[in-house]
Amino acid sequence: MCAADGVFPEIAVLTGAGISAESGLATFRGAGGLWNGRRVEDVATIEGFKKDPDTVWRFYNSLKKETVAALPNDAHKALSRLQKAYPAKVSIFTQNVDLLHEKAGTQNVYHIHGRIDRALCMNCMRSNPSESEITFDAPCPFCGKPALKPDIVFFGEVPYYLDLVQQKLSSCGVFIAVGTSGVVCPAASFVFTAKENGAKTFEFNTEPSGNPAFDTAVTGKAGETLPPFVDKILSAVERQENLF
């Protein structure tokens, strides 16, 4: 693609727990397979929810407080700046349930694993805001049934926006993964899809994944490595040069 013709490639960005960890939020898989001191099987599977919905809701109500207090870091802000200043479409897909991208000013963030501030009714399957604490016996505002679960994609459930993701991966000229191990499906396949469709691929992680589908792997904290990369892209845009 030729910048001289005024054409810049679309950019697709996938963010994972690593970018939020720099804002103080725990990643899913900690030591011993724990997340915030809880077994993932107990609080992030439909089986765990059906077995003890009250415990699961207490966990997510507590997590909600943490995410409300958390602030976006320089990596979130860099992506927001890129989206606002880059002349082509920049799509942000995140595996994170927090709202740190939105707090940084990013628009049209696609939460493929759901959002901490929403609840899903298992009776009518409608999603609704849940900014305050919720219990399992709370009635759904749409159908009135007490069947609310966190609108979080549990392990074994199908992520949101997969059709849109595939469209963006097929049309983007640049794919950037930030703070994600890239081993959990289907997100693990995203870089391969983008690569097969001709995109330049970049990885920003505290440790390189070793995935050969990435053209460039940048090691370090995203809050330190991503802003200079965005600066480089936007400087090239000002010169009407295609960095990619």
Protein backbone atom coordinates (compact mmCIF):
# COMPACT_ATOMS: atom_id res chain seq x y z
CA MET A 1 0.00 0.00 0.00
CA CYS A 2 1.31 3.37 -0.99
CA ALA A 3 1.10 6.30 1.39
CA ALA A 4 1.74 8.61 -1.52
CA ASP A 5 -1.68 7.60 -2.82
CA GLY A 6 -3.21 8.45 0.54
CA VAL A 7 -3.79 4.81 1.42
CA PHE A 8 -2.70 3.36 4.74
CA PRO A 9 -3.36 -0.23 5.84
CA GLU A 10 -6.06 -0.95 8.38
CA ILE A 11 -4.77 -2.05 11.78
CA ALA A 12 -6.27 -4.77 13.98
CA VAL A 13 -5.16 -4.92 17.61
CA LEU A 14 -5.68 -7.78 20.05
CA THR A 15 -5.04 -7.04 23.72
CA GLY A 16 -4.84 -9.48 26.60
CA ALA A 17 -4.38 -9.62 30.34
CA GLY A 18 -0.79 -8.39 30.15
CA ILE A 19 -1.81 -4.86 29.22
CA SER A 20 -4.20 -4.66 32.19
CA ALA A 21 -1.67 -6.21 34.57
CA GLU A 22 0.36 -3.01 34.23
CA SER A 23 -2.65 -1.21 35.72
CA GLY A 24 -2.67 -3.56 38.70
CA LEU A 25 -5.31 -6.07 37.56
CA ALA A 26 -4.56 -9.76 38.00
CA THR A 27 -4.20 -12.03 34.99
CA PHE A 28 -6.40 -15.10 34.67
CA ARG A 29 -3.71 -17.71 35.15
CA GLY A 30 -1.54 -16.96 38.15
CA ALA A 31 0.52 -19.31 40.29
CA GLY A 32 -1.19 -22.68 40.68
CA GLY A 33 -3.86 -21.82 38.12
CA LEU A 34 -5.42 -19.27 40.44
CA TRP A 35 -7.10 -15.97 39.57
CA ASN A 36 -7.30 -13.49 42.43
CA GLY A 37 -6.91 -16.43 44.82
CA ARG A 38 -9.71 -18.49 43.28
CA ARG A 39 -9.55 -21.61 41.13
CA VAL A 40 -10.44 -20.68 37.57
CA GLU A 41 -12.67 -23.76 37.39
CA ASP A 42 -14.75 -22.41 40.27
CA VAL A 43 -15.33 -18.86 39.02
CA ALA A 44 -14.86 -18.93 35.24
CA THR A 45 -16.74 -21.99 34.01
CA ILE A 46 -20.46 -22.55 33.54
CA GLU A 47 -20.16 -25.67 35.69
CA GLY A 48 -18.75 -23.64 38.56
CA PHE A 49 -21.49 -21.05 38.15
CA LYS A 50 -24.30 -23.62 38.18
CA LYS A 51 -22.80 -25.29 41.23
CA ASP A 52 -22.45 -22.11 43.30
CA PRO A 53 -23.79 -18.96 41.59
CA ASP A 54 -23.68 -16.90 44.78
CA THR A 55 -19.93 -17.46 45.19
CA VAL A 56 -19.33 -16.60 41.54
CA TRP A 57 -21.33 -13.37 41.83
CA ARG A 58 -19.47 -12.39 45.00
CA PHE A 59 -16.22 -12.92 43.13
CA TYR A 60 -17.24 -10.76 40.16
CA ASN A 61 -18.77 -8.07 42.37
CA SER A 62 -15.41 -7.84 44.12
CA LEU A 63 -13.57 -7.82 40.80
CA LYS A 64 -15.88 -5.07 39.58
CA LYS A 65 -14.68 -2.84 42.40
CA GLU A 66 -11.07 -3.45 41.39
CA THR A 67 -11.71 -2.61 37.74
CA VAL A 68 -13.64 0.54 38.61
CA ALA A 69 -10.67 1.78 40.64
CA ALA A 70 -8.05 0.82 38.01
CA LEU A 71 -6.66 3.45 35.67
CA PRO A 72 -5.43 3.04 32.09
CA ASN A 73 -1.69 2.93 31.62
CA ASP A 74 0.51 4.32 28.87
CA ALA A 75 -0.15 1.34 26.60
CA HIS A 76 -3.91 1.91 26.70
CA LYS A 77 -3.36 5.61 26.06
CA ALA A 78 -1.03 4.89 23.14
CA LEU A 79 -3.65 2.73 21.41
CA SER A 80 -6.28 5.41 21.94
CA ARG A 81 -3.94 7.98 20.42
CA LEU A 82 -3.24 5.68 17.47
CA GLN A 83 -6.94 5.12 16.83
CA LYS A 84 -7.67 8.85 16.87
CA ALA A 85 -4.73 10.01 14.73
CA TYR A 86 -4.18 7.17 12.27
CA PRO A 87 -5.87 7.80 8.89
CA ALA A 88 -7.20 4.26 8.44
CA LYS A 89 -9.38 2.07 10.64
CA VAL A 90 -7.88 0.83 13.90
CA SER A 91 -9.98 -1.96 15.43
CA ILE A 92 -9.40 -2.96 19.05
CA PHE A 93 -10.35 -6.46 20.14
CA THR A 94 -9.69 -7.28 23.77
CA GLN A 95 -9.76 -10.43 25.84
CA ASN A 96 -10.08 -8.25 28.94
CA VAL A 97 -13.37 -7.70 30.75
CA ASP A 98 -12.28 -4.38 32.27
CA LEU A 99 -13.00 -0.98 30.72
CA LEU A 100 -9.47 0.42 30.69
CA HIS A 101 -9.49 0.95 26.92
CA GLU A 102 -12.68 2.98 27.23
CA LYS A 103 -11.24 4.95 30.14
CA ALA A 104 -8.29 5.84 27.89
CA GLY A 105 -10.70 7.24 25.30
CA THR A 106 -10.69 4.37 22.82
CA GLN A 107 -13.85 4.01 20.75
CA ASN A 108 -15.63 0.87 19.52
CA VAL A 109 -13.74 -1.62 21.68
CA TYR A 110 -14.86 -5.20 21.03
CA HIS A 111 -14.79 -7.24 24.23
CA ILE A 112 -14.60 -10.78 22.91
CA HIS A 113 -14.72 -12.23 26.44
CA GLY A 114 -17.51 -9.98 27.71
CA ARG A 115 -17.55 -7.04 30.12
CA ILE A 116 -17.45 -6.82 33.89
CA ASP A 117 -20.14 -4.13 33.93
CA ARG A 118 -22.84 -6.24 32.26
CA ALA A 119 -25.03 -9.20 33.24
CA LEU A 120 -26.54 -11.83 30.95
CA CYS A 121 -29.93 -13.37 31.61
CA MET A 122 -29.77 -17.14 31.10
CA ASN A 123 -33.54 -17.18 30.54
CA CYS A 124 -34.07 -14.55 27.83
CA MET A 125 -30.36 -14.27 26.83
CA ARG A 126 -30.41 -10.47 26.94
CA SER A 127 -27.48 -8.47 28.23
CA ASN A 128 -27.95 -5.47 30.48
CA PRO A 129 -25.80 -3.04 32.48
CA SER A 130 -24.78 -4.20 35.95
CA GLU A 131 -22.67 -1.39 37.35
CA SER A 132 -23.77 -2.09 40.94
CA GLU A 133 -23.45 -5.35 42.86
CA ILE A 134 -25.73 -8.16 41.71
CA THR A 135 -26.87 -11.46 43.22
CA PHE A 136 -28.16 -14.52 41.41
CA ASP A 137 -31.69 -14.02 42.74
CA ALA A 138 -31.91 -10.51 41.26
CA PRO A 139 -34.64 -10.31 38.57
CA CYS A 140 -33.75 -9.71 34.95
CA PRO A 141 -34.97 -6.21 33.98
CA PHE A 142 -36.30 -7.63 30.70
CA CYS A 143 -38.05 -10.89 31.56
CA GLY A 144 -38.21 -10.66 35.35
CA LYS A 145 -36.64 -14.08 35.91
CA PRO A 146 -33.87 -14.46 38.54
CA ALA A 147 -31.37 -15.97 36.12
CA LEU A 148 -28.53 -13.47 35.79
CA LYS A 149 -24.90 -14.49 35.27
CA PRO A 150 -21.92 -12.21 34.72
CA ASP A 151 -21.75 -11.33 31.01
CA ILE A 152 -18.33 -12.91 30.94
CA VAL A 153 -17.36 -15.57 28.41
CA PHE A 154 -16.45 -18.52 30.62
CA PHE A 155 -14.01 -21.20 29.56
CA GLY A 156 -15.77 -23.47 27.07
CA GLU A 157 -18.17 -20.76 25.89
CA VAL A 158 -18.01 -19.08 22.48
CA PRO A 159 -16.38 -15.61 22.45
CA TYR A 160 -18.26 -12.61 21.10
CA TYR A 161 -17.72 -10.84 17.76
CA LEU A 162 -15.91 -13.74 16.06
CA ASP A 163 -17.46 -12.99 12.64
CA LEU A 164 -16.37 -9.35 12.91
CA VAL A 165 -12.92 -10.41 14.07
CA GLN A 166 -12.51 -12.64 11.04
CA GLN A 167 -13.56 -9.79 8.74
CA LYS A 168 -11.02 -7.44 10.29
CA LEU A 169 -8.25 -10.05 10.23
CA SER A 170 -8.93 -10.61 6.55
CA SER A 171 -8.87 -6.91 5.65
CA CYS A 172 -6.17 -5.50 7.93
CA GLY A 173 -2.67 -4.81 6.71
CA VAL A 174 -1.21 -4.78 10.23
CA PHE A 175 -1.95 -7.03 13.19
CA ILE A 176 -0.68 -6.13 16.67
CA ALA A 177 -0.98 -8.39 19.73
CA VAL A 178 -0.37 -6.75 23.11
CA GLY A 179 -0.05 -8.54 26.43
CA THR A 180 -1.49 -11.88 25.36
CA SER A 181 0.15 -15.30 25.37
CA GLY A 182 -1.72 -16.29 22.24
CA VAL A 183 -2.26 -19.87 23.39
CA VAL A 184 -5.98 -19.79 24.20
CA CYS A 185 -8.26 -20.56 21.26
CA PRO A 186 -9.72 -19.04 19.23
CA ALA A 187 -7.54 -15.95 19.84
CA ALA A 188 -4.46 -18.12 19.25
CA SER A 189 -5.42 -18.36 15.58
CA PHE A 190 -5.85 -14.63 14.99
CA VAL A 191 -2.23 -13.92 14.06
CA PHE A 192 -2.19 -16.84 11.62
CA THR A 193 -5.35 -15.59 9.90
CA ALA A 194 -3.94 -12.08 9.60
CA LYS A 195 -0.60 -13.42 8.34
CA GLU A 196 -2.25 -15.63 5.74
CA ASN A 197 -4.08 -12.56 4.42
CA GLY A 198 -0.85 -10.61 4.00
CA ALA A 199 -0.72 -8.55 7.19
CA LYS A 200 2.48 -7.47 8.91
CA THR A 201 2.36 -8.91 12.43
CA PHE A 202 3.75 -7.51 15.69
CA GLU A 203 3.87 -8.89 19.22
CA PHE A 204 4.34 -6.81 22.38
CA ASN A 205 4.86 -8.98 25.44
CA THR A 206 6.91 -9.18 28.61
CA GLU A 207 8.25 -12.46 27.22
CA PRO A 208 8.32 -13.49 23.55
CA SER A 209 5.83 -16.23 22.70
CA GLY A 210 8.11 -17.78 20.11
CA ASN A 211 5.20 -17.84 17.67
CA PRO A 212 6.71 -17.86 14.15
CA ALA A 213 3.67 -16.09 12.73
CA PHE A 214 4.85 -12.81 14.24
CA ASP A 215 7.18 -10.82 12.01
CA THR A 216 8.39 -8.71 14.94
CA ALA A 217 8.43 -9.50 18.66
CA VAL A 218 9.03 -6.61 21.07
CA THR A 219 9.90 -7.70 24.60
CA GLY A 220 9.18 -5.55 27.65
CA LYS A 221 6.32 -3.82 29.41
CA ALA A 222 3.77 -2.59 26.88
CA GLY A 223 3.49 0.71 28.73
CA GLU A 224 7.14 1.32 27.85
CA THR A 225 7.45 -0.31 24.42
CA LEU A 226 4.12 0.48 22.75
CA PRO A 227 4.10 4.32 23.00
CA PRO A 228 7.37 4.72 21.01
CA PHE A 229 6.04 2.33 18.36
CA VAL A 230 2.85 4.39 18.05
CA ASP A 231 4.96 7.57 17.88
CA LYS A 232 6.91 6.04 15.01
CA ILE A 233 3.72 5.14 13.13
CA LEU A 234 2.19 8.59 13.55
CA SER A 235 5.42 10.36 12.62
CA ALA A 236 5.43 8.39 9.38
CA VAL A 237 1.80 9.38 8.79
CA GLU A 238 2.71 13.05 9.14
CA ARG A 239 5.37 12.54 6.47
CA GLN A 240 2.81 10.69 4.33
CA GLU A 241 5.00 7.61 4.46
CA ASN A 242 3.72 4.09 4.94
CA LEU A 243 5.77 2.61 7.76
CA PHE A 244 4.60 -0.88 6.85
